[in-house]
Protein backbone atom coordinates (compact mmCIF):
# COMPACT_ATOMS: atom_id res chain seq x y z
CA MET A 1 42.40 -17.03 10.09
CA ARG A 2 43.47 -13.49 9.22
CA ARG A 3 42.15 -12.25 5.86
CA ILE A 4 44.43 -9.16 5.28
CA VAL A 5 45.87 -8.25 1.99
CA ARG A 6 49.32 -6.72 1.65
CA GLY A 7 49.90 -3.32 0.10
CA HIS A 8 46.90 -1.43 1.60
CA ASP A 9 48.41 -0.06 4.87
CA GLN A 10 47.76 3.49 3.94
CA TYR A 11 44.16 2.69 3.01
CA MET A 12 43.59 0.86 6.21
CA LEU A 13 44.92 3.67 8.50
CA LYS A 14 42.73 6.16 6.71
CA ARG A 15 39.61 4.12 6.41
CA TYR A 16 39.87 1.57 9.37
CA PRO A 17 42.00 2.91 12.05
CA PHE A 18 40.53 0.54 14.49
CA THR A 19 42.15 -2.38 12.65
CA THR A 20 45.62 -1.39 13.79
CA THR A 21 44.83 -0.34 17.40
CA THR A 22 41.60 -1.14 18.96
CA HIS A 23 42.44 -0.13 22.54
CA HIS A 24 45.65 0.30 24.55
CA HIS A 25 46.06 -3.31 25.73
CA HIS A 26 46.02 -5.17 22.45
CA GLN A 27 46.48 -4.69 18.76
CA LEU A 28 45.32 -6.15 15.55
CA GLU A 29 48.40 -6.43 13.36
CA THR A 30 48.34 -5.92 9.68
CA GLN A 31 50.34 -8.54 7.89
CA PRO A 32 50.34 -10.39 4.49
CA ASN A 33 47.88 -13.11 3.76
CA LYS A 34 49.71 -16.36 3.07
CA THR A 35 47.52 -17.03 0.09
CA GLN A 36 47.72 -13.93 -1.95
CA PHE A 37 45.83 -13.73 -5.19
CA THR A 38 47.81 -13.23 -8.36
CA MET A 39 46.83 -10.51 -10.73
CA ALA A 40 45.39 -13.22 -13.08
CA ASN A 41 43.23 -14.55 -10.26
CA ARG A 42 41.95 -11.11 -9.58
CA ALA A 43 41.09 -10.62 -13.23
CA ASN A 44 38.97 -13.82 -13.18
CA VAL A 45 37.30 -12.81 -9.97
CA SER A 46 36.60 -9.15 -10.89
CA GLY A 47 34.06 -9.99 -13.63
CA ALA A 48 32.71 -6.87 -15.46
CA LYS A 49 35.08 -4.08 -15.81
CA SER A 50 34.43 -0.38 -15.04
CA SER A 51 35.48 2.43 -17.28
CA THR A 52 36.34 4.51 -14.26
CA LEU A 53 37.74 1.73 -11.90
CA SER A 54 41.31 0.61 -12.45
CA THR A 55 41.34 -2.97 -13.86
CA PRO A 56 43.95 -5.63 -13.01
CA SER A 57 45.78 -5.09 -16.26
CA THR A 58 46.31 -1.43 -15.48
CA LEU A 59 46.50 -1.64 -11.75
CA SER A 60 49.89 -0.61 -10.62
CA THR A 61 49.54 -1.27 -6.97
CA GLU A 62 46.96 -2.63 -4.59
CA ALA A 63 46.99 0.71 -2.90
CA GLN A 64 45.49 2.20 -6.06
CA PHE A 65 42.64 -0.37 -5.97
CA TYR A 66 41.76 0.56 -2.43
CA THR A 67 41.85 4.31 -3.27
CA ASP A 68 39.71 3.76 -6.38
CA ILE A 69 36.84 1.81 -4.63
CA ALA A 70 36.54 4.34 -1.83
CA SER A 71 34.74 6.78 -4.11
CA LYS A 72 32.20 4.04 -4.89
CA ASN A 73 30.90 3.87 -1.33
CA VAL A 74 32.08 0.34 -0.94
CA GLU A 75 34.83 -1.05 1.34
CA PRO A 76 36.65 -4.44 1.34
CA LEU A 77 35.24 -6.83 4.01
CA TRP A 78 38.30 -9.04 3.84
CA THR A 79 40.54 -6.30 5.36
CA VAL A 80 38.31 -6.36 8.61
CA LEU A 81 36.70 -9.73 8.58
CA ASN A 82 38.77 -10.98 11.60
CA LYS A 83 37.71 -7.96 13.58
CA MET A 84 33.93 -8.06 12.66
CA VAL A 85 33.64 -11.78 13.37
CA PRO A 86 36.29 -12.42 16.18
CA PRO A 87 37.00 -15.82 17.67
CA LYS A 88 35.74 -14.52 21.10
CA PRO A 89 33.87 -11.43 22.56
CA ASN A 90 36.01 -8.36 22.05
CA PRO A 91 34.78 -5.52 24.20
CA SER A 92 36.30 -2.08 23.73
CA SER A 93 36.05 -1.07 27.46
CA VAL A 94 38.74 -2.11 29.93
CA VAL A 95 38.75 -2.80 33.68
CA THR A 96 38.72 0.66 35.44
CA ALA A 97 38.36 1.50 39.06
CA TRP A 98 37.15 4.81 40.63
CA PRO A 99 38.09 4.94 44.41
CA TYR A 100 35.62 7.07 46.26
CA GLU A 101 38.31 8.81 48.26
CA ASP A 102 39.66 10.25 45.06
CA LEU A 103 36.34 11.26 43.66
CA ARG A 104 34.47 12.60 46.67
CA PRO A 105 36.64 15.76 47.11
CA VAL A 106 36.17 16.81 43.42
CA LEU A 107 32.50 15.87 43.54
CA MET A 108 32.10 18.26 46.54
CA GLN A 109 34.10 20.86 44.70
CA SER A 110 31.65 20.68 41.86
CA GLY A 111 28.91 21.86 44.23
CA ILE A 112 30.85 25.06 44.50
CA VAL A 113 31.59 25.46 40.93
CA VAL A 114 28.05 24.88 39.61
CA SER A 115 24.58 24.75 41.04
CA ALA A 116 22.25 21.76 40.35
CA GLU A 117 19.87 24.02 38.55
CA GLU A 118 22.53 25.47 36.31
CA ALA A 119 23.96 22.00 35.52
CA GLU A 120 20.46 20.47 35.41
CA ARG A 121 22.29 17.23 36.56
CA ARG A 122 25.44 17.72 38.57
CA VAL A 123 27.26 14.52 37.60
CA LEU A 124 30.84 13.36 37.36
CA MET A 125 30.69 10.76 34.55
CA LEU A 126 32.71 7.65 35.02
CA VAL A 127 34.45 7.41 31.61
CA ASN A 128 36.16 4.29 30.54
CA PRO A 129 39.75 5.32 29.53
CA ALA A 130 39.70 3.02 26.39
CA MET A 131 36.58 4.88 25.16
CA GLN A 132 34.90 8.25 25.68
CA ALA A 133 31.67 9.57 27.32
CA PRO A 134 29.08 8.18 27.75
CA TYR A 135 30.79 4.83 27.89
CA THR A 136 31.61 3.29 31.31
CA THR A 137 31.32 -0.18 29.68
CA ASP A 138 30.43 -0.82 26.06
CA THR A 139 26.71 -0.69 27.03
CA ILE A 140 26.49 1.01 30.41
CA TYR A 141 26.83 4.62 31.52
CA ALA A 142 27.55 5.45 35.19
CA GLY A 143 28.17 8.63 37.00
CA LEU A 144 28.23 10.08 40.55
CA GLN A 145 25.51 12.70 41.02
CA LEU A 146 25.55 15.36 43.87
CA ILE A 147 22.57 17.23 45.46
CA LEU A 148 23.23 19.60 48.19
CA PRO A 149 20.74 20.61 50.99
CA GLY A 150 17.78 22.72 49.59
CA GLU A 151 18.74 22.21 45.93
CA THR A 152 16.43 20.91 43.18
CA ALA A 153 17.66 19.20 39.96
CA PRO A 154 14.89 20.38 37.58
CA ALA A 155 12.19 17.93 36.22
CA HIS A 156 12.66 16.29 32.97
CA ARG A 157 12.09 13.06 31.08
CA HIS A 158 14.03 11.06 28.65
CA VAL A 159 13.81 7.82 26.57
CA ALA A 160 16.78 6.30 28.41
CA PHE A 161 16.09 4.06 31.51
CA ALA A 162 17.99 5.02 34.59
CA LEU A 163 18.52 3.39 37.97
CA ARG A 164 20.22 5.12 40.94
CA PHE A 165 22.05 3.47 43.89
CA ILE A 166 22.27 5.85 46.91
CA VAL A 167 25.91 6.07 48.05
CA GLU A 168 25.76 8.77 50.77
CA GLY A 169 23.33 11.02 52.73
CA SER A 170 19.65 10.89 53.83
CA ARG A 171 16.44 12.75 53.38
CA GLY A 172 17.11 13.41 49.75
CA PHE A 173 14.35 12.52 47.36
CA THR A 174 13.55 11.62 43.71
CA ALA A 175 10.01 12.38 42.51
CA VAL A 176 8.84 10.04 39.62
CA GLU A 177 5.61 10.64 37.86
CA GLY A 178 4.04 12.26 40.97
CA GLN A 179 5.58 9.85 43.46
CA LYS A 180 8.07 11.39 45.89
CA LEU A 181 10.52 8.88 47.00
CA MET A 182 12.70 9.54 50.02
CA MET A 183 16.25 8.16 49.39
CA GLU A 184 18.52 6.49 51.99
CA ARG A 185 21.88 4.83 51.60
CA GLY A 186 21.64 1.55 49.70
CA ASP A 187 18.28 2.33 48.01
CA VAL A 188 17.83 1.73 44.40
CA ILE A 189 15.52 4.25 42.71
CA LEU A 190 14.14 3.69 39.30
CA THR A 191 13.23 6.21 36.62
CA PRO A 192 11.63 4.42 33.78
CA SER A 193 11.75 5.55 30.19
CA TRP A 194 9.87 8.74 29.50
CA HIS A 195 8.76 9.33 33.11
CA TRP A 196 8.85 12.85 34.65
CA HIS A 197 11.34 12.95 37.45
CA ASP A 198 13.20 15.55 39.51
CA HIS A 199 15.68 15.32 42.52
CA GLY A 200 16.06 17.31 45.71
CA SER A 201 17.36 17.29 49.21
CA GLU A 202 15.54 18.20 52.53
CA GLY A 203 18.47 17.05 54.57
CA ASP A 204 21.42 18.87 56.06
CA GLY A 205 24.21 17.13 54.21
CA PRO A 206 25.20 16.17 50.72
CA MET A 207 23.37 13.38 48.83
CA VAL A 208 25.45 11.37 46.44
CA TRP A 209 24.26 8.40 44.23
CA LEU A 210 25.47 6.22 41.49
CA ASP A 211 23.51 6.79 38.22
CA GLY A 212 23.31 3.83 35.87
CA LEU A 213 21.65 4.36 32.46
CA ASP A 214 21.58 2.57 29.12
CA LEU A 215 22.85 5.72 27.26
CA PRO A 216 25.51 3.80 25.16
CA VAL A 217 22.73 1.90 23.51
CA TYR A 218 21.46 5.06 21.95
CA ARG A 219 24.73 5.63 20.18
CA PHE A 220 23.74 2.89 17.88
CA LEU A 221 19.93 3.33 18.09
CA PRO A 222 19.64 7.12 17.81
CA VAL A 223 16.13 7.37 19.30
CA ASN A 224 17.02 8.86 22.66
CA PHE A 225 15.88 12.47 23.50
CA ALA A 226 14.59 14.39 26.48
CA GLU A 227 11.94 17.03 27.41
CA ASN A 228 12.13 19.58 30.15
CA TYR A 229 9.07 20.22 32.36
CA GLU A 230 7.64 23.72 32.45
CA GLU A 231 8.31 24.03 36.24
CA ALA A 232 11.39 23.05 38.27
CA ARG A 233 9.23 20.41 40.14
CA TYR A 234 6.77 18.00 38.68
CA PRO A 235 3.70 17.85 41.13
CA SER A 236 4.23 14.93 43.52
CA GLU A 237 3.15 13.49 46.85
CA LEU A 238 5.17 11.46 49.31
CA SER A 239 4.94 7.73 48.57
CA ASP A 240 5.88 5.07 51.10
CA ASN A 241 5.23 2.11 48.80
CA SER A 242 6.39 2.38 45.27
CA ASN A 243 7.65 -0.09 42.67
CA TRP A 244 10.19 2.47 41.76
CA LYS A 245 11.94 2.37 45.12
CA LEU A 246 13.83 -0.73 46.23
CA PRO A 247 15.28 -0.37 49.78
CA TRP A 248 18.65 -2.08 50.72
CA ALA A 249 17.40 -3.86 53.95
CA PRO A 250 15.12 -6.53 52.32
CA VAL A 251 17.95 -7.16 49.76
CA GLN A 252 20.58 -7.83 52.51
CA ALA A 253 18.03 -9.97 54.38
CA VAL A 254 17.81 -12.33 51.34
CA LEU A 255 21.56 -12.29 50.81
CA ASP A 256 22.15 -13.36 54.48
CA GLU A 257 19.45 -16.19 54.69
CA ASN A 258 22.28 -18.88 54.47
CA LYS A 259 25.13 -16.78 55.67
CA GLU A 260 26.36 -19.38 58.07
CA THR A 261 26.61 -22.15 55.52
CA GLU A 262 27.20 -20.40 52.31
CA THR A 263 30.18 -18.05 51.87
CA TYR A 264 28.63 -16.29 48.84
CA ALA A 265 25.25 -15.22 47.59
CA ARG A 266 23.84 -13.19 44.72
CA TYR A 267 20.46 -11.41 44.57
CA ASP A 268 19.06 -10.34 41.26
CA TYR A 269 16.73 -7.27 41.39
CA LYS A 270 13.29 -7.73 39.99
CA SER A 271 10.64 -5.18 39.04
CA GLY A 272 7.72 -4.97 41.44
CA GLU A 273 5.56 -4.31 38.52
CA HIS A 274 6.05 -7.55 36.58
CA GLY A 275 8.64 -9.59 38.48
CA LYS A 276 11.12 -9.49 35.66
CA HIS A 277 14.37 -7.46 35.27
CA LEU A 278 14.29 -3.81 36.20
CA SER A 279 14.12 -2.80 32.52
CA LYS A 280 14.53 -4.33 29.14
CA THR A 281 18.18 -2.97 28.90
CA ILE A 282 19.83 -2.83 32.18
CA SER A 283 19.23 -4.15 35.72
CA GLY A 284 20.90 -4.59 39.10
CA GLN A 285 22.26 -7.30 41.34
CA ALA A 286 23.74 -7.45 44.80
CA GLU A 287 26.36 -9.83 46.20
CA ARG A 288 27.66 -11.05 49.47
CA ILE A 289 31.15 -12.39 50.18
CA ASN A 290 31.97 -13.63 53.64
CA ALA A 291 35.11 -12.59 55.44
CA GLY A 292 38.02 -14.49 54.03
CA ALA A 293 36.13 -16.10 51.19
CA THR A 294 36.82 -16.17 47.44
CA THR A 295 34.07 -16.67 44.99
CA LYS A 296 34.18 -18.95 41.95
CA LYS A 297 35.73 -17.71 38.77
CA VAL A 298 32.90 -16.86 36.50
CA ARG A 299 32.60 -15.16 33.07
CA GLU A 300 29.32 -13.98 31.39
CA THR A 301 28.48 -12.27 28.18
CA VAL A 302 27.46 -9.42 30.39
CA SER A 303 29.22 -6.28 31.46
CA PHE A 304 29.05 -4.73 35.02
CA VAL A 305 29.62 -1.55 36.94
CA TYR A 306 30.29 -2.58 40.53
CA HIS A 307 29.82 -0.39 43.60
CA VAL A 308 31.01 -1.41 47.07
CA TYR A 309 28.23 -1.05 49.57
CA GLU A 310 30.22 -2.32 52.44
CA GLY A 311 33.46 -4.15 53.22
CA GLU A 312 36.99 -4.47 51.83
CA GLY A 313 38.60 -6.87 49.35
CA TYR A 314 39.72 -7.22 45.78
CA SER A 315 38.46 -8.64 42.56
CA THR A 316 40.55 -10.71 40.17
CA ILE A 317 39.54 -9.98 36.65
CA VAL A 318 40.82 -11.63 33.49
CA SER A 319 39.97 -10.03 30.21
CA PRO A 320 38.86 -11.97 27.21
CA GLU A 321 42.39 -11.60 25.80
CA GLY A 322 43.88 -13.15 28.94
CA LYS A 323 45.13 -10.18 30.83
CA GLU A 324 44.73 -10.41 34.61
CA GLU A 325 44.15 -7.56 36.86
CA LYS A 326 43.51 -7.13 40.57
CA VAL A 327 41.21 -4.38 41.64
CA GLN A 328 41.45 -3.46 45.30
CA TRP A 329 38.22 -2.01 46.77
CA LYS A 330 36.55 -0.83 49.99
CA GLY A 331 33.27 0.94 50.85
CA LYS A 332 31.91 3.39 48.16
CA ASP A 333 34.39 2.42 45.46
CA THR A 334 33.26 1.82 41.89
CA PHE A 335 34.81 -0.41 39.19
CA ALA A 336 33.81 -1.44 35.65
CA VAL A 337 34.08 -5.01 34.22
CA PRO A 338 33.86 -5.54 30.44
CA ALA A 339 31.74 -8.44 29.09
CA TRP A 340 33.15 -12.00 28.97
CA SER A 341 35.82 -11.15 31.66
CA THR A 342 36.44 -13.82 34.28
CA ILE A 343 35.58 -12.39 37.67
CA SER A 344 36.37 -13.66 41.20
CA HIS A 345 35.84 -11.64 44.36
CA THR A 346 37.75 -12.01 47.65
CA CYS A 347 36.74 -10.47 50.94
CA THR A 348 39.97 -9.67 52.87
CA GLN A 349 38.42 -8.49 56.10
CA GLU A 350 38.66 -10.72 59.30
CA CYS A 351 35.05 -10.60 60.13
CA GLY A 352 31.62 -9.71 58.70
CA SER A 353 30.86 -9.78 55.00
CA ALA A 354 31.46 -7.55 51.95
CA TYR A 355 28.41 -6.46 49.89
CA LEU A 356 28.54 -5.40 46.44
CA PHE A 357 25.93 -3.78 44.08
CA ALA A 358 26.20 -3.93 40.30
CA VAL A 359 24.57 -2.53 37.38
CA ASN A 360 24.49 -4.99 34.41
CA ASP A 361 23.22 -5.30 30.91
CA ARG A 362 21.86 -8.78 31.36
CA PRO A 363 18.24 -8.01 30.29
CA MET A 364 19.44 -6.75 26.92
CA VAL A 365 21.91 -9.62 26.31
CA GLU A 366 19.24 -12.14 27.32
CA SER A 367 16.54 -10.67 25.09
CA LEU A 368 18.89 -10.86 22.11
CA GLY A 369 19.58 -14.52 22.82
CA LEU A 370 23.33 -13.78 23.50
CA TYR A 371 23.57 -14.72 27.16
CA LYS A 372 26.29 -17.22 28.11
CA ARG A 373 27.79 -18.14 31.37
CA GLN A 374 30.86 -20.26 32.28
CA GLU A 375 32.24 -21.33 35.57
CA LEU A 376 36.11 -21.84 35.36
CA LYS A 377 38.48 -23.61 37.55
């Protein structure tokens, strides 16, 4: 039921602009409540009268009431209650795709415009068009980072947790707290909270990876900060066995265990240190869809940033508001899916399988007791 009182449009536009337009694909309309209070009713409800606040007997318009209370550092809940307690999840982010063939040229151009040392992190942020940086979804930040041969992205550490899915290149490295981890396509590299880390390349071609961080969380919990190391590199030694490096080959082996009998499989990444999610905020998953197969329609109170490791197909995504979109994808493409969207993947290739990687916010949602999952027909 809408609890919106007439006569306060100007106040609403000034104080609550999000109540008239939350994002470009739906609106919260302002309209009169069918059960308006009379002035007498308001007098009974108002109780004690203030010498500085207009009373019902002197109140000429409802707009004056809203103007008066603004100076008291109070605001009327009834004007926004439907927005604050919606009948279903109401993410601000929208379905968005970033084809790699569109982004790679400008990413390579960025390597000419600015060095890794100058930029500290040469990244093209994947910004959701319904929001602004650092939002790729409401809770996940993602970006494509570039390191060229011989470059070093200087050592630093930060509160935010980060994972990186290697998109392109070989013989690049990330050094984490003294462990130098060589990076190959499909690897997941972790940089836990407040761990020193730097990046570099010993190869002869560009290194590109997808960054996934929990940065949006710190817009509401303002405790994220960073520290630069005194040198460009933190002292490190090559490590062939680290809990912070998760190669692709073992993941695909698990996905393919029942490939002949099951057209779909999902693998949830776990930490080698404690066997749980990769962090307390965000984690990763991988999926296999056989040629010609379509997955079940599923929705979760979780948002995703998908990256196509291999294959071609499309994803049918229905927003919580009921808007259906079809995202066509192929190798190295990335797309964002808001929470509580119904998702179904289809692999359109004639042979082989498609493999998807996704950053998700499931750990945070589960920790708060908010995780829900539904299969739809």
